[in-house]
Amino acid sequence: MQYFVNDAGGWISLSGDADEFGVIPDGYREVDETEFNQAAGVITIEPPAPTPDND
């Protein structure tokens, strides 16, 4: 997965080969998943640890 953001608040994620789609729009830069999630407003919640009651 590739992640791109721009300074105006836009974001794009691509699965697969970006060359197939042509060129990423001007002003976008590639970022890691953490920075992308912050820009896109994605909230990641860790699953609870297994306990004898829910394993």
PDB file of N, CA and C in Angstrom:
ATOM      1  N   MET A   1       0.846  -1.163   0.000  1.00  0.00           N
ATOM      2  CA  MET A   1       0.000   0.000   0.000  1.00  0.00           C
ATOM      3  C   MET A   1       0.895   1.231   0.000  1.00  0.00           C
ATOM      4  N   GLN A   2       0.511   2.213  -0.769  1.00  0.00           N
ATOM      5  CA  GLN A   2       1.236   3.482  -0.804  1.00  0.00           C
ATOM      6  C   GLN A   2       0.292   4.580  -0.328  1.00  0.00           C
ATOM      7  N   TYR A   3       0.844   5.532   0.425  1.00  0.00           N
ATOM      8  CA  TYR A   3       0.052   6.601   1.031  1.00  0.00           C
ATOM      9  C   TYR A   3       0.616   7.947   0.614  1.00  0.00           C
ATOM     10  N   PHE A   4      -0.272   8.873   0.249  1.00  0.00           N
ATOM     11  CA  PHE A   4       0.128  10.211  -0.183  1.00  0.00           C
ATOM     12  C   PHE A   4      -0.766  11.236   0.495  1.00  0.00           C
ATOM     13  N   VAL A   5      -0.193  12.358   0.897  1.00  0.00           N
ATOM     14  CA  VAL A   5      -0.958  13.478   1.457  1.00  0.00           C
ATOM     15  C   VAL A   5      -0.454  14.771   0.827  1.00  0.00           C
ATOM     16  N   ASN A   6      -1.284  15.820   0.926  1.00  0.00           N
ATOM     17  CA  ASN A   6      -0.820  17.144   0.530  1.00  0.00           C
ATOM     18  C   ASN A   6      -1.072  18.107   1.676  1.00  0.00           C
ATOM     19  N   ASP A   7      -0.473  19.266   1.613  1.00  0.00           N
ATOM     20  CA  ASP A   7      -0.553  20.229   2.710  1.00  0.00           C
ATOM     21  C   ASP A   7      -1.923  20.901   2.814  1.00  0.00           C
ATOM     22  N   ALA A   8      -2.786  20.713   1.816  1.00  0.00           N
ATOM     23  CA  ALA A   8      -4.122  21.300   1.858  1.00  0.00           C
ATOM     24  C   ALA A   8      -5.136  20.360   2.506  1.00  0.00           C
ATOM     25  N   GLY A   9      -4.672  19.196   3.005  1.00  0.00           N
ATOM     26  CA  GLY A   9      -5.559  18.265   3.690  1.00  0.00           C
ATOM     27  C   GLY A   9      -6.037  17.100   2.847  1.00  0.00           C
ATOM     28  N   GLY A  10      -5.606  17.027   1.604  1.00  0.00           N
ATOM     29  CA  GLY A  10      -6.008  15.910   0.755  1.00  0.00           C
ATOM     30  C   GLY A  10      -5.188  14.669   1.039  1.00  0.00           C
ATOM     31  N   TRP A  11      -5.767  13.508   0.731  1.00  0.00           N
ATOM     32  CA  TRP A  11      -5.040  12.258   0.921  1.00  0.00           C
ATOM     33  C   TRP A  11      -5.475  11.237  -0.121  1.00  0.00           C
ATOM     34  N   ILE A  12      -4.545  10.355  -0.480  1.00  0.00           N
ATOM     35  CA  ILE A  12      -4.774   9.294  -1.459  1.00  0.00           C
ATOM     36  C   ILE A  12      -4.063   8.048  -0.955  1.00  0.00           C
ATOM     37  N   SER A  13      -4.730   6.902  -1.057  1.00  0.00           N
ATOM     38  CA  SER A  13      -4.047   5.633  -0.781  1.00  0.00           C
ATOM     39  C   SER A  13      -4.199   4.757  -2.013  1.00  0.00           C
ATOM     40  N   LEU A  14      -3.131   4.059  -2.357  1.00  0.00           N
ATOM     41  CA  LEU A  14      -3.127   3.196  -3.534  1.00  0.00           C
ATOM     42  C   LEU A  14      -2.707   1.790  -3.147  1.00  0.00           C
ATOM     43  N   SER A  15      -3.444   0.842  -3.619  1.00  0.00           N
ATOM     44  CA  SER A  15      -3.083  -0.554  -3.441  1.00  0.00           C
ATOM     45  C   SER A  15      -2.579  -1.050  -4.784  1.00  0.00           C
ATOM     46  N   GLY A  16      -1.382  -1.577  -4.814  1.00  0.00           N
ATOM     47  CA  GLY A  16      -0.827  -2.052  -6.070  1.00  0.00           C
ATOM     48  C   GLY A  16       0.196  -1.094  -6.629  1.00  0.00           C
ATOM     49  N   ASP A  17       0.356  -1.110  -7.940  1.00  0.00           N
ATOM     50  CA  ASP A  17       1.394  -0.345  -8.622  1.00  0.00           C
ATOM     51  C   ASP A  17       0.870   1.027  -9.032  1.00  0.00           C
ATOM     52  N   ALA A  18       1.422   2.088  -8.494  1.00  0.00           N
ATOM     53  CA  ALA A  18       0.977   3.447  -8.811  1.00  0.00           C
ATOM     54  C   ALA A  18       1.245   3.806 -10.267  1.00  0.00           C
ATOM     55  N   ASP A  19       2.249   3.190 -10.889  1.00  0.00           N
ATOM     56  CA  ASP A  19       2.551   3.507 -12.278  1.00  0.00           C
ATOM     57  C   ASP A  19       1.388   3.160 -13.207  1.00  0.00           C
ATOM     58  N   GLU A  20       0.578   2.219 -12.838  1.00  0.00           N
ATOM     59  CA  GLU A  20      -0.568   1.825 -13.635  1.00  0.00           C
ATOM     60  C   GLU A  20      -1.586   2.952 -13.749  1.00  0.00           C
ATOM     61  N   PHE A  21      -1.639   3.826 -12.750  1.00  0.00           N
ATOM     62  CA  PHE A  21      -2.597   4.923 -12.724  1.00  0.00           C
ATOM     63  C   PHE A  21      -2.031   6.208 -13.312  1.00  0.00           C
ATOM     64  N   GLY A  22      -0.790   6.214 -13.688  1.00  0.00           N
ATOM     65  CA  GLY A  22      -0.175   7.427 -14.211  1.00  0.00           C
ATOM     66  C   GLY A  22       0.613   8.138 -13.141  1.00  0.00           C
ATOM     67  N   VAL A  23       0.345   9.414 -12.980  1.00  0.00           N
ATOM     68  CA  VAL A  23       1.139  10.263 -12.086  1.00  0.00           C
ATOM     69  C   VAL A  23       0.289  10.682 -10.887  1.00  0.00           C
ATOM     70  N   ILE A  24       0.899  10.681  -9.727  1.00  0.00           N
ATOM     71  CA  ILE A  24       0.237  11.209  -8.530  1.00  0.00           C
ATOM     72  C   ILE A  24       0.108  12.721  -8.729  1.00  0.00           C
ATOM     73  N   PRO A  25      -1.039  13.322  -8.408  1.00  0.00           N
ATOM     74  CA  PRO A  25      -1.217  14.766  -8.628  1.00  0.00           C
ATOM     75  C   PRO A  25      -0.127  15.603  -7.967  1.00  0.00           C
ATOM     76  N   ASP A  26       0.167  16.736  -8.580  1.00  0.00           N
ATOM     77  CA  ASP A  26       1.151  17.670  -8.021  1.00  0.00           C
ATOM     78  C   ASP A  26       0.757  18.064  -6.605  1.00  0.00           C
ATOM     79  N   GLY A  27       1.760  18.238  -5.760  1.00  0.00           N
ATOM     80  CA  GLY A  27       1.529  18.676  -4.398  1.00  0.00           C
ATOM     81  C   GLY A  27       1.389  17.534  -3.398  1.00  0.00           C
ATOM     82  N   TYR A  28       1.285  16.302  -3.870  1.00  0.00           N
ATOM     83  CA  TYR A  28       1.173  15.157  -2.965  1.00  0.00           C
ATOM     84  C   TYR A  28       2.557  14.577  -2.716  1.00  0.00           C
ATOM     85  N   ARG A  29       2.772  14.130  -1.490  1.00  0.00           N
ATOM     86  CA  ARG A  29       4.049  13.492  -1.146  1.00  0.00           C
ATOM     87  C   ARG A  29       3.753  12.156  -0.484  1.00  0.00           C
ATOM     88  N   GLU A  30       4.642  11.206  -0.700  1.00  0.00           N
ATOM     89  CA  GLU A  30       4.452   9.882  -0.116  1.00  0.00           C
ATOM     90  C   GLU A  30       4.813   9.921   1.367  1.00  0.00           C
ATOM     91  N   VAL A  31       3.986   9.284   2.193  1.00  0.00           N
ATOM     92  CA  VAL A  31       4.190   9.247   3.638  1.00  0.00           C
ATOM     93  C   VAL A  31       4.033   7.813   4.127  1.00  0.00           C
ATOM     94  N   ASP A  32       4.404   7.589   5.380  1.00  0.00           N
ATOM     95  CA  ASP A  32       4.206   6.256   5.949  1.00  0.00           C
ATOM     96  C   ASP A  32       2.757   6.123   6.448  1.00  0.00           C
ATOM     97  N   GLU A  33       2.406   4.914   6.838  1.00  0.00           N
ATOM     98  CA  GLU A  33       1.024   4.634   7.241  1.00  0.00           C
ATOM     99  C   GLU A  33       0.585   5.465   8.444  1.00  0.00           C
ATOM    100  N   THR A  34       1.467   5.690   9.393  1.00  0.00           N
ATOM    101  CA  THR A  34       1.120   6.457  10.585  1.00  0.00           C
ATOM    102  C   THR A  34       0.747   7.890  10.232  1.00  0.00           C
ATOM    103  N   GLU A  35       1.564   8.549   9.409  1.00  0.00           N
ATOM    104  CA  GLU A  35       1.262   9.931   9.018  1.00  0.00           C
ATOM    105  C   GLU A  35      -0.015   9.998   8.185  1.00  0.00           C
ATOM    106  N   PHE A  36      -0.217   9.021   7.314  1.00  0.00           N
ATOM    107  CA  PHE A  36      -1.436   8.968   6.516  1.00  0.00           C
ATOM    108  C   PHE A  36      -2.666   8.848   7.417  1.00  0.00           C
ATOM    109  N   ASN A  37      -2.616   7.946   8.396  1.00  0.00           N
ATOM    110  CA  ASN A  37      -3.750   7.755   9.297  1.00  0.00           C
ATOM    111  C   ASN A  37      -4.083   9.037  10.050  1.00  0.00           C
ATOM    112  N   GLN A  38      -3.077   9.787  10.455  1.00  0.00           N
ATOM    113  CA  GLN A  38      -3.318  11.060  11.141  1.00  0.00           C
ATOM    114  C   GLN A  38      -3.992  12.051  10.203  1.00  0.00           C
ATOM    115  N   ALA A  39      -3.515  12.142   8.968  1.00  0.00           N
ATOM    116  CA  ALA A  39      -4.078  13.094   8.006  1.00  0.00           C
ATOM    117  C   ALA A  39      -5.498  12.714   7.599  1.00  0.00           C
ATOM    118  N   ALA A  40      -5.764  11.422   7.467  1.00  0.00           N
ATOM    119  CA  ALA A  40      -7.072  10.961   7.012  1.00  0.00           C
ATOM    120  C   ALA A  40      -8.072  10.802   8.161  1.00  0.00           C
ATOM    121  N   GLY A  41      -7.613  10.931   9.397  1.00  0.00           N
ATOM    122  CA  GLY A  41      -8.506  10.797  10.537  1.00  0.00           C
ATOM    123  C   GLY A  41      -8.841   9.357  10.887  1.00  0.00           C
ATOM    124  N   VAL A  42      -7.956   8.434  10.519  1.00  0.00           N
ATOM    125  CA  VAL A  42      -8.169   7.015  10.819  1.00  0.00           C
ATOM    126  C   VAL A  42      -7.794   6.744  12.270  1.00  0.00           C
ATOM    127  N   ILE A  43      -8.653   6.059  12.977  1.00  0.00           N
ATOM    128  CA  ILE A  43      -8.388   5.686  14.361  1.00  0.00           C
ATOM    129  C   ILE A  43      -8.129   4.184  14.393  1.00  0.00           C
ATOM    130  N   THR A  44      -6.994   3.791  14.944  1.00  0.00           N
ATOM    131  CA  THR A  44      -6.643   2.378  15.057  1.00  0.00           C
ATOM    132  C   THR A  44      -6.761   1.957  16.507  1.00  0.00           C
ATOM    133  N   ILE A  45      -7.534   0.906  16.737  1.00  0.00           N
ATOM    134  CA  ILE A  45      -7.732   0.396  18.091  1.00  0.00           C
ATOM    135  C   ILE A  45      -7.154  -1.009  18.165  1.00  0.00           C
ATOM    136  N   GLU A  46      -6.295  -1.222  19.139  1.00  0.00           N
ATOM    137  CA  GLU A  46      -5.711  -2.544  19.341  1.00  0.00           C
ATOM    138  C   GLU A  46      -6.770  -3.488  19.917  1.00  0.00           C
ATOM    139  N   PRO A  47      -6.799  -4.741  19.446  1.00  0.00           N
ATOM    140  CA  PRO A  47      -7.761  -5.689  20.022  1.00  0.00           C
ATOM    141  C   PRO A  47      -7.373  -6.020  21.460  1.00  0.00           C
ATOM    142  N   PRO A  48      -8.344  -6.416  22.264  1.00  0.00           N
ATOM    143  CA  PRO A  48      -8.018  -6.748  23.658  1.00  0.00           C
ATOM    144  C   PRO A  48      -7.141  -7.992  23.724  1.00  0.00           C
ATOM    145  N   ALA A  49      -6.327  -8.047  24.747  1.00  0.00           N
ATOM    146  CA  ALA A  49      -5.484  -9.223  24.964  1.00  0.00           C
ATOM    147  C   ALA A  49      -6.367 -10.415  25.333  1.00  0.00           C
ATOM    148  N   PRO A  50      -5.994 -11.605  24.867  1.00  0.00           N
ATOM    149  CA  PRO A  50      -6.798 -12.777  25.221  1.00  0.00           C
ATOM    150  C   PRO A  50      -6.800 -13.026  26.737  1.00  0.00           C
ATOM    151  N   THR A  51      -7.921 -13.407  27.244  1.00  0.00           N
ATOM    152  CA  THR A  51      -8.048 -13.789  28.650  1.00  0.00           C
ATOM    153  C   THR A  51      -8.714 -15.164  28.684  1.00  0.00           C
ATOM    154  N   PRO A  52      -8.730 -15.825  29.788  1.00  0.00           N
ATOM    155  CA  PRO A  52      -9.388 -17.142  29.846  1.00  0.00           C
ATOM    156  C   PRO A  52     -10.859 -17.092  29.431  1.00  0.00           C
ATOM    157  N   ASP A  53     -11.499 -15.916  29.572  1.00  0.00           N
ATOM    158  CA  ASP A  53     -12.921 -15.798  29.213  1.00  0.00           C
ATOM    159  C   ASP A  53     -13.176 -15.575  27.725  1.00  0.00           C
ATOM    160  N   ASN A  54     -12.186 -15.006  26.979  1.00  0.00           N
ATOM    161  CA  ASN A  54     -12.438 -14.672  25.571  1.00  0.00           C
ATOM    162  C   ASN A  54     -11.417 -15.239  24.598  1.00  0.00           C
ATOM    163  N   ASP A  55     -10.682 -16.270  24.943  1.00  0.00           N
ATOM    164  CA  ASP A  55      -9.695 -16.821  24.002  1.00  0.00           C
ATOM    165  C   ASP A  55     -10.232 -17.926  23.216  1.00  0.00           C
TER     166      ASP A  55
END
